[in-house]
Every structure is written in structure tokens, then in C-alpha cells.
PDB file of N, CA and C in Angstrom:
ATOM      1  N   UNK A   1      56.842 183.034  70.646  1.00  0.00           N
ATOM      2  CA  UNK A   1      58.016 182.570  71.348  1.00  0.00           C
ATOM      3  C   UNK A   1      57.997 183.125  72.773  1.00  0.00           C
ATOM      4  N   UNK A   2      58.381 182.287  73.701  1.00  0.00           N
ATOM      5  CA  UNK A   2      58.332 182.712  75.099  1.00  0.00           C
ATOM      6  C   UNK A   2      59.607 183.437  75.479  1.00  0.00           C
ATOM      7  N   UNK A   3      59.501 184.248  76.494  1.00  0.00           N
ATOM      8  CA  UNK A   3      60.664 185.018  76.931  1.00  0.00           C
ATOM      9  C   UNK A   3      61.574 184.154  77.798  1.00  0.00           C
ATOM     10  N   UNK A   4      62.752 184.657  78.013  1.00  0.00           N
ATOM     11  CA  UNK A   4      63.751 183.922  78.794  1.00  0.00           C
ATOM     12  C   UNK A   4      63.297 183.749  80.238  1.00  0.00           C
ATOM     13  N   UNK A   5      62.565 184.724  80.761  1.00  0.00           N
ATOM     14  CA  UNK A   5      62.108 184.617  82.148  1.00  0.00           C
ATOM     15  C   UNK A   5      61.061 183.507  82.299  1.00  0.00           C
ATOM     16  N   UNK A   6      60.198 183.350  81.304  1.00  0.00           N
ATOM     17  CA  UNK A   6      59.215 182.264  81.357  1.00  0.00           C
ATOM     18  C   UNK A   6      59.909 180.911  81.249  1.00  0.00           C
ATOM     19  N   UNK A   7      60.940 180.832  80.419  1.00  0.00           N
ATOM     20  CA  UNK A   7      61.674 179.580  80.287  1.00  0.00           C
ATOM     21  C   UNK A   7      62.410 179.236  81.580  1.00  0.00           C
ATOM     22  N   UNK A   8      62.955 180.248  82.230  1.00  0.00           N
ATOM     23  CA  UNK A   8      63.640 180.000  83.501  1.00  0.00           C
ATOM     24  C   UNK A   8      62.669 179.542  84.581  1.00  0.00           C
ATOM     25  N   UNK A   9      61.468 180.124  84.594  1.00  0.00           N
ATOM     26  CA  UNK A   9      60.454 179.714  85.570  1.00  0.00           C
ATOM     27  C   UNK A   9      60.036 178.261  85.304  1.00  0.00           C
ATOM     28  N   UNK A  10      59.848 177.911  84.038  1.00  0.00           N
ATOM     29  CA  UNK A  10      59.501 176.523  83.690  1.00  0.00           C
ATOM     30  C   UNK A  10      60.622 175.563  84.084  1.00  0.00           C
ATOM     31  N   UNK A  11      61.873 175.961  83.818  1.00  0.00           N
ATOM     32  CA  UNK A  11      63.013 175.117  84.158  1.00  0.00           C
ATOM     33  C   UNK A  11      63.124 174.948  85.671  1.00  0.00           C
ATOM     34  N   UNK A  12      62.877 176.009  86.423  1.00  0.00           N
ATOM     35  CA  UNK A  12      62.915 175.936  87.877  1.00  0.00           C
ATOM     36  C   UNK A  12      61.822 175.003  88.397  1.00  0.00           C
ATOM     37  N   UNK A  13      60.632 175.093  87.815  1.00  0.00           N
ATOM     38  CA  UNK A  13      59.540 174.208  88.233  1.00  0.00           C
ATOM     39  C   UNK A  13      59.857 172.753  87.948  1.00  0.00           C
ATOM     40  N   UNK A  14      60.428 172.471  86.774  1.00  0.00           N
ATOM     41  CA  UNK A  14      60.793 171.086  86.435  1.00  0.00           C
ATOM     42  C   UNK A  14      61.898 170.582  87.369  1.00  0.00           C
ATOM     43  N   UNK A  15      62.871 171.452  87.692  1.00  0.00           N
ATOM     44  CA  UNK A  15      63.956 171.059  88.581  1.00  0.00           C
ATOM     45  C   UNK A  15      63.428 170.740  89.980  1.00  0.00           C
ATOM     46  N   UNK A  16      62.552 171.582  90.493  1.00  0.00           N
ATOM     47  CA  UNK A  16      61.991 171.349  91.832  1.00  0.00           C
ATOM     48  C   UNK A  16      61.156 170.074  91.849  1.00  0.00           C
ATOM     49  N   UNK A  17      60.381 169.840  90.786  1.00  0.00           N
ATOM     50  CA  UNK A  17      59.575 168.627  90.716  1.00  0.00           C
ATOM     51  C   UNK A  17      60.477 167.387  90.669  1.00  0.00           C
ATOM     52  N   UNK A  18      61.538 167.441  89.887  1.00  0.00           N
ATOM     53  CA  UNK A  18      62.453 166.305  89.795  1.00  0.00           C
ATOM     54  C   UNK A  18      63.153 166.029  91.106  1.00  0.00           C
ATOM     55  N   UNK A  19      63.647 167.071  91.739  1.00  0.00           N
ATOM     56  CA  UNK A  19      64.326 166.890  93.023  1.00  0.00           C
ATOM     57  C   UNK A  19      63.357 166.402  94.089  1.00  0.00           C
ATOM     58  N   UNK A  20      62.123 166.880  94.041  1.00  0.00           N
ATOM     59  CA  UNK A  20      61.114 166.415  94.999  1.00  0.00           C
ATOM     60  C   UNK A  20      60.807 164.938  94.811  1.00  0.00           C
ATOM     61  N   UNK A  21      60.676 164.503  93.544  1.00  0.00           N
ATOM     62  CA  UNK A  21      60.411 163.084  93.282  1.00  0.00           C
ATOM     63  C   UNK A  21      61.571 162.199  93.750  1.00  0.00           C
ATOM     64  N   UNK A  22      62.796 162.645  93.524  1.00  0.00           N
ATOM     65  CA  UNK A  22      63.954 161.878  93.988  1.00  0.00           C
ATOM     66  C   UNK A  22      63.968 161.819  95.506  1.00  0.00           C
ATOM     67  N   UNK A  23      63.683 162.936  96.163  1.00  0.00           N
ATOM     68  CA  UNK A  23      63.649 162.952  97.619  1.00  0.00           C
ATOM     69  C   UNK A  23      62.572 162.008  98.163  1.00  0.00           C
ATOM     70  N   UNK A  24      61.399 162.020  97.563  1.00  0.00           N
ATOM     71  CA  UNK A  24      60.320 161.126  97.996  1.00  0.00           C
ATOM     72  C   UNK A  24      60.709 159.671  97.779  1.00  0.00           C
ATOM     73  N   UNK A  25      61.290 159.358  96.614  1.00  0.00           N
ATOM     74  CA  UNK A  25      61.702 157.982  96.329  1.00  0.00           C
ATOM     75  C   UNK A  25      62.748 157.500  97.330  1.00  0.00           C
ATOM     76  N   UNK A  26      63.752 158.331  97.606  1.00  0.00           N
ATOM     77  CA  UNK A  26      64.785 157.918  98.559  1.00  0.00           C
ATOM     78  C   UNK A  26      64.231 157.778  99.967  1.00  0.00           C
ATOM     79  N   UNK A  27      63.302 158.631 100.341  1.00  0.00           N
ATOM     80  CA  UNK A  27      62.677 158.519 101.664  1.00  0.00           C
ATOM     81  C   UNK A  27      61.893 157.217 101.783  1.00  0.00           C
ATOM     82  N   UNK A  28      61.136 156.877 100.754  1.00  0.00           N
ATOM     83  CA  UNK A  28      60.384 155.619 100.763  1.00  0.00           C
ATOM     84  C   UNK A  28      61.347 154.427 100.805  1.00  0.00           C
ATOM     85  N   UNK A  29      62.444 154.518 100.081  1.00  0.00           N
ATOM     86  CA  UNK A  29      63.435 153.450 100.071  1.00  0.00           C
ATOM     87  C   UNK A  29      64.053 153.254 101.452  1.00  0.00           C
ATOM     88  N   UNK A  30      64.391 154.340 102.131  1.00  0.00           N
ATOM     89  CA  UNK A  30      64.977 154.243 103.473  1.00  0.00           C
ATOM     90  C   UNK A  30      63.978 153.652 104.449  1.00  0.00           C
ATOM     91  N   UNK A  31      62.728 154.079 104.371  1.00  0.00           N
ATOM     92  CA  UNK A  31      61.697 153.530 105.266  1.00  0.00           C
ATOM     93  C   UNK A  31      61.496 152.047 104.970  1.00  0.00           C
ATOM     94  N   UNK A  32      61.483 151.672 103.700  1.00  0.00           N
ATOM     95  CA  UNK A  32      61.327 150.259 103.336  1.00  0.00           C
ATOM     96  C   UNK A  32      62.470 149.408 103.839  1.00  0.00           C
ATOM     97  N   UNK A  33      63.683 149.893 103.720  1.00  0.00           N
ATOM     98  CA  UNK A  33      64.840 149.141 104.217  1.00  0.00           C
ATOM     99  C   UNK A  33      64.774 149.011 105.733  1.00  0.00           C
ATOM    100  N   UNK A  34      64.358 150.060 106.418  1.00  0.00           N
ATOM    101  CA  UNK A  34      64.240 150.002 107.877  1.00  0.00           C
ATOM    102  C   UNK A  34      63.190 148.971 108.298  1.00  0.00           C
ATOM    103  N   UNK A  35      62.079 148.907 107.570  1.00  0.00           N
ATOM    104  CA  UNK A  35      61.027 147.925 107.897  1.00  0.00           C
ATOM    105  C   UNK A  35      61.533 146.506 107.658  1.00  0.00           C
ATOM    106  N   UNK A  36      62.210 146.284 106.546  1.00  0.00           N
ATOM    107  CA  UNK A  36      62.747 144.949 106.256  1.00  0.00           C
ATOM    108  C   UNK A  36      63.784 144.563 107.297  1.00  0.00           C
ATOM    109  N   UNK A  37      64.639 145.497 107.714  1.00  0.00           N
ATOM    110  CA  UNK A  37      65.657 145.204 108.721  1.00  0.00           C
ATOM    111  C   UNK A  37      65.024 144.877 110.069  1.00  0.00           C
ATOM    112  N   UNK A  38      63.870 145.484 110.348  1.00  0.00           N
ATOM    113  CA  UNK A  38      63.216 145.241 111.631  1.00  0.00           C
ATOM    114  C   UNK A  38      62.586 143.852 111.675  1.00  0.00           C
ATOM    115  N   UNK A  39      61.978 143.425 110.564  1.00  0.00           N
ATOM    116  CA  UNK A  39      61.288 142.145 110.541  1.00  0.00           C
ATOM    117  C   UNK A  39      62.177 140.970 110.147  1.00  0.00           C
ATOM    118  N   UNK A  40      63.301 141.239 109.506  1.00  0.00           N
ATOM    119  CA  UNK A  40      64.229 140.182 109.076  1.00  0.00           C
ATOM    120  C   UNK A  40      65.620 140.499 109.597  1.00  0.00           C
ATOM    121  N   UNK A  41      65.897 140.212 110.871  1.00  0.00           N
ATOM    122  CA  UNK A  41      67.216 140.559 111.410  1.00  0.00           C
ATOM    123  C   UNK A  41      68.316 139.700 110.778  1.00  0.00           C
ATOM    124  N   UNK A  42      69.513 140.253 110.760  1.00  0.00           N
ATOM    125  CA  UNK A  42      70.663 139.539 110.202  1.00  0.00           C
ATOM    126  C   UNK A  42      71.048 138.398 111.136  1.00  0.00           C
ATOM    127  N   UNK A  43      71.547 137.279 110.581  1.00  0.00           N
ATOM    128  CA  UNK A  43      71.960 136.167 111.448  1.00  0.00           C
ATOM    129  C   UNK A  43      73.158 136.558 112.299  1.00  0.00           C
ATOM    130  N   UNK A  44      73.211 135.997 113.507  1.00  0.00           N
ATOM    131  CA  UNK A  44      74.310 136.306 114.411  1.00  0.00           C
ATOM    132  C   UNK A  44      75.553 135.541 113.987  1.00  0.00           C
ATOM    133  N   UNK A  45      76.694 136.169 114.186  1.00  0.00           N
ATOM    134  CA  UNK A  45      77.963 135.553 113.823  1.00  0.00           C
ATOM    135  C   UNK A  45      78.421 134.679 114.980  1.00  0.00           C
ATOM    136  N   UNK A  46      78.739 133.423 114.664  1.00  0.00           N
ATOM    137  CA  UNK A  46      79.202 132.491 115.679  1.00  0.00           C
ATOM    138  C   UNK A  46      80.718 132.448 115.619  1.00  0.00           C
ATOM    139  N   UNK A  47      81.367 132.661 116.768  1.00  0.00           N
ATOM    140  CA  UNK A  47      82.826 132.654 116.811  1.00  0.00           C
ATOM    141  C   UNK A  47      83.340 131.232 116.680  1.00  0.00           C
ATOM    142  N   UNK A  48      84.411 131.083 115.906  1.00  0.00           N
ATOM    143  CA  UNK A  48      85.023 129.765 115.732  1.00  0.00           C
ATOM    144  C   UNK A  48      85.885 129.455 116.954  1.00  0.00           C
ATOM    145  N   UNK A  49      85.953 128.186 117.336  1.00  0.00           N
ATOM    146  CA  UNK A  49      86.812 127.836 118.475  1.00  0.00           C
ATOM    147  C   UNK A  49      88.285 128.016 118.101  1.00  0.00           C
ATOM    148  N   UNK A  50      89.103 128.300 119.120  1.00  0.00           N
ATOM    149  CA  UNK A  50      90.527 128.500 118.875  1.00  0.00           C
ATOM    150  C   UNK A  50      91.177 127.186 118.461  1.00  0.00           C
ATOM    151  N   UNK A  51      91.915 127.243 117.366  1.00  0.00           N
ATOM    152  CA  UNK A  51      92.622 126.078 116.846  1.00  0.00           C
ATOM    153  C   UNK A  51      94.108 126.340 117.025  1.00  0.00           C
ATOM    154  N   UNK A  52      94.855 125.391 117.555  1.00  0.00           N
ATOM    155  CA  UNK A  52      96.293 125.639 117.708  1.00  0.00           C
ATOM    156  C   UNK A  52      96.939 125.831 116.339  1.00  0.00           C
ATOM    157  N   UNK A  53      97.887 126.737 116.239  1.00  0.00           N
ATOM    158  CA  UNK A  53      98.509 127.012 114.945  1.00  0.00           C
ATOM    159  C   UNK A  53      99.338 125.830 114.459  1.00  0.00           C
ATOM    160  N   UNK A  54      99.426 125.707 113.152  1.00  0.00           N
ATOM    161  CA  UNK A  54     100.213 124.628 112.569  1.00  0.00           C
ATOM    162  C   UNK A  54     101.690 124.974 112.671  1.00  0.00           C
ATOM    163  N   UNK A  55     102.568 123.984 112.541  1.00  0.00           N
ATOM    164  CA  UNK A  55     104.002 124.264 112.651  1.00  0.00           C
ATOM    165  C   UNK A  55     104.494 125.244 111.587  1.00  0.00           C
ATOM    166  N   UNK A  56     103.888 125.241 110.398  1.00  0.00           N
ATOM    167  CA  UNK A  56     104.315 126.153 109.346  1.00  0.00           C
ATOM    168  C   UNK A  56     103.919 127.585 109.710  1.00  0.00           C
ATOM    169  N   UNK A  57     102.777 127.750 110.366  1.00  0.00           N
ATOM    170  CA  UNK A  57     102.314 129.086 110.731  1.00  0.00           C
ATOM    171  C   UNK A  57     103.215 129.722 111.778  1.00  0.00           C
ATOM    172  N   UNK A  58     103.902 128.934 112.579  1.00  0.00           N
ATOM    173  CA  UNK A  58     104.785 129.477 113.618  1.00  0.00           C
ATOM    174  C   UNK A  58     106.224 129.584 113.137  1.00  0.00           C
ATOM    175  N   UNK A  59     106.465 129.366 111.828  1.00  0.00           N
ATOM    176  CA  UNK A  59     107.787 129.484 111.212  1.00  0.00           C
ATOM    177  C   UNK A  59     108.796 128.507 111.795  1.00  0.00           C
ATOM    178  N   UNK A  60     108.376 127.315 112.149  1.00  0.00           N
ATOM    179  CA  UNK A  60     109.277 126.280 112.630  1.00  0.00           C
ATOM    180  C   UNK A  60     109.424 125.246 111.523  1.00  0.00           C
ATOM    181  N   UNK A  61     110.384 125.478 110.625  1.00  0.00           N
ATOM    182  CA  UNK A  61     110.601 124.570 109.517  1.00  0.00           C
ATOM    183  C   UNK A  61     111.663 123.547 109.900  1.00  0.00           C
ATOM    184  N   UNK A  62     111.559 122.394 109.283  1.00  0.00           N
ATOM    185  CA  UNK A  62     112.527 121.326 109.500  1.00  0.00           C
ATOM    186  C   UNK A  62     113.860 121.749 108.893  1.00  0.00           C
ATOM    187  N   UNK A  63     114.942 121.731 109.652  1.00  0.00           N
ATOM    188  CA  UNK A  63     116.241 122.147 109.112  1.00  0.00           C
ATOM    189  C   UNK A  63     116.698 121.280 107.935  1.00  0.00           C
ATOM    190  N   UNK A  64     116.337 119.988 107.929  1.00  0.00           N
ATOM    191  CA  UNK A  64     116.718 119.115 106.817  1.00  0.00           C
ATOM    192  C   UNK A  64     115.997 119.548 105.531  1.00  0.00           C
ATOM    193  N   UNK A  65     114.760 119.976 105.662  1.00  0.00           N
ATOM    194  CA  UNK A  65     114.002 120.448 104.511  1.00  0.00           C
ATOM    195  C   UNK A  65     114.608 121.734 103.958  1.00  0.00           C
ATOM    196  N   UNK A  66     114.989 122.647 104.844  1.00  0.00           N
ATOM    197  CA  UNK A  66     115.612 123.896 104.416  1.00  0.00           C
ATOM    198  C   UNK A  66     116.929 123.602 103.703  1.00  0.00           C
ATOM    199  N   UNK A  67     117.716 122.647 104.224  1.00  0.00           N
ATOM    200  CA  UNK A  67     118.991 122.287 103.599  1.00  0.00           C
ATOM    201  C   UNK A  67     118.755 121.679 102.217  1.00  0.00           C
ATOM    202  N   UNK A  68     117.740 120.851 102.082  1.00  0.00           N
ATOM    203  CA  UNK A  68     117.454 120.218 100.798  1.00  0.00           C
ATOM    204  C   UNK A  68     117.017 121.258  99.770  1.00  0.00           C
ATOM    205  N   UNK A  69     116.202 122.210 100.172  1.00  0.00           N
ATOM    206  CA  UNK A  69     115.754 123.252  99.252  1.00  0.00           C
ATOM    207  C   UNK A  69     116.923 124.143  98.850  1.00  0.00           C
ATOM    208  N   UNK A  70     117.756 124.502  99.819  1.00  0.00           N
ATOM    209  CA  UNK A  70     118.931 125.325  99.518  1.00  0.00           C
ATOM    210  C   UNK A  70     119.857 124.619  98.547  1.00  0.00           C
ATOM    211  N   UNK A  71     120.074 123.324  98.767  1.00  0.00           N
ATOM    212  CA  UNK A  71     120.934 122.545  97.874  1.00  0.00           C
ATOM    213  C   UNK A  71     120.341 122.483  96.466  1.00  0.00           C
ATOM    214  N   UNK A  72     119.051 122.309  96.374  1.00  0.00           N
ATOM    215  CA  UNK A  72     118.397 122.237  95.057  1.00  0.00           C
ATOM    216  C   UNK A  72     118.526 123.577  94.325  1.00  0.00           C
ATOM    217  N   UNK A  73     118.415 124.677  95.037  1.00  0.00           N
ATOM    218  CA  UNK A  73     118.544 125.995  94.415  1.00  0.00           C
ATOM    219  C   UNK A  73     119.964 126.210  93.898  1.00  0.00           C
ATOM    220  N   UNK A  74     120.973 125.819  94.715  1.00  0.00           N
ATOM    221  CA  UNK A  74     122.364 125.964  94.276  1.00  0.00           C
ATOM    222  C   UNK A  74     122.661 125.102  93.071  1.00  0.00           C
ATOM    223  N   UNK A  75     122.132 123.905  93.027  1.00  0.00           N
ATOM    224  CA  UNK A  75     122.359 123.026  91.870  1.00  0.00           C
ATOM    225  C   UNK A  75     121.666 123.581  90.622  1.00  0.00           C
ATOM    226  N   UNK A  76     120.501 124.171  90.790  1.00  0.00           N
ATOM    227  CA  UNK A  76     119.777 124.734  89.649  1.00  0.00           C
ATOM    228  C   UNK A  76     120.534 125.923  89.066  1.00  0.00           C
ATOM    229  N   UNK A  77     121.089 126.762  89.939  1.00  0.00           N
ATOM    230  CA  UNK A  77     121.796 127.951  89.476  1.00  0.00           C
ATOM    231  C   UNK A  77     123.155 127.624  88.853  1.00  0.00           C
ATOM    232  N   UNK A  78     123.707 126.486  89.223  1.00  0.00           N
ATOM    233  CA  UNK A  78     125.050 126.116  88.718  1.00  0.00           C
ATOM    234  C   UNK A  78     125.003 125.591  87.283  1.00  0.00           C
TER     235      UNK A  78
END
């Protein structure tokens, strides 16, 4: 049976190897993404032309329509 110090040394070696592999993988991933971004640029965003707002968007409702809706609500509640 091995001593606790040998087990700790083995555990430390496995931990360092695992962290090193993760670091290498992430580094390769970042370099790969940078290369893809360099050769395949994102499409440019084209601004839409200004469209005049609709009458509903400016809160200009027809007073007759508001009266009809109000009347319908009062009749429903009665």
C-alpha cells in the first residue's frame, strides 16, 4: 500500500496534467476562432430607411372609435 504522500504527489500530477490539457484545448480553440473570424468576416448591417410612424404609433386615435369602445364596455358591464 502506498503512503499518503505518494498519493498526494500522484493526485497533484494528474491535476496538473488535466489543467494543462484544458489550457491547451482552450488556447487552440481561441486561435481557431480568431482564424475563422479573420477569413470569414461577419456581414455588415444595413440600416433601414426611416419610415414615418403610423397614426396608432403616435397615439392619435379616432374619437368616434374611442367612444364606440367605451360604450361597448359600459354595455358589457351593465
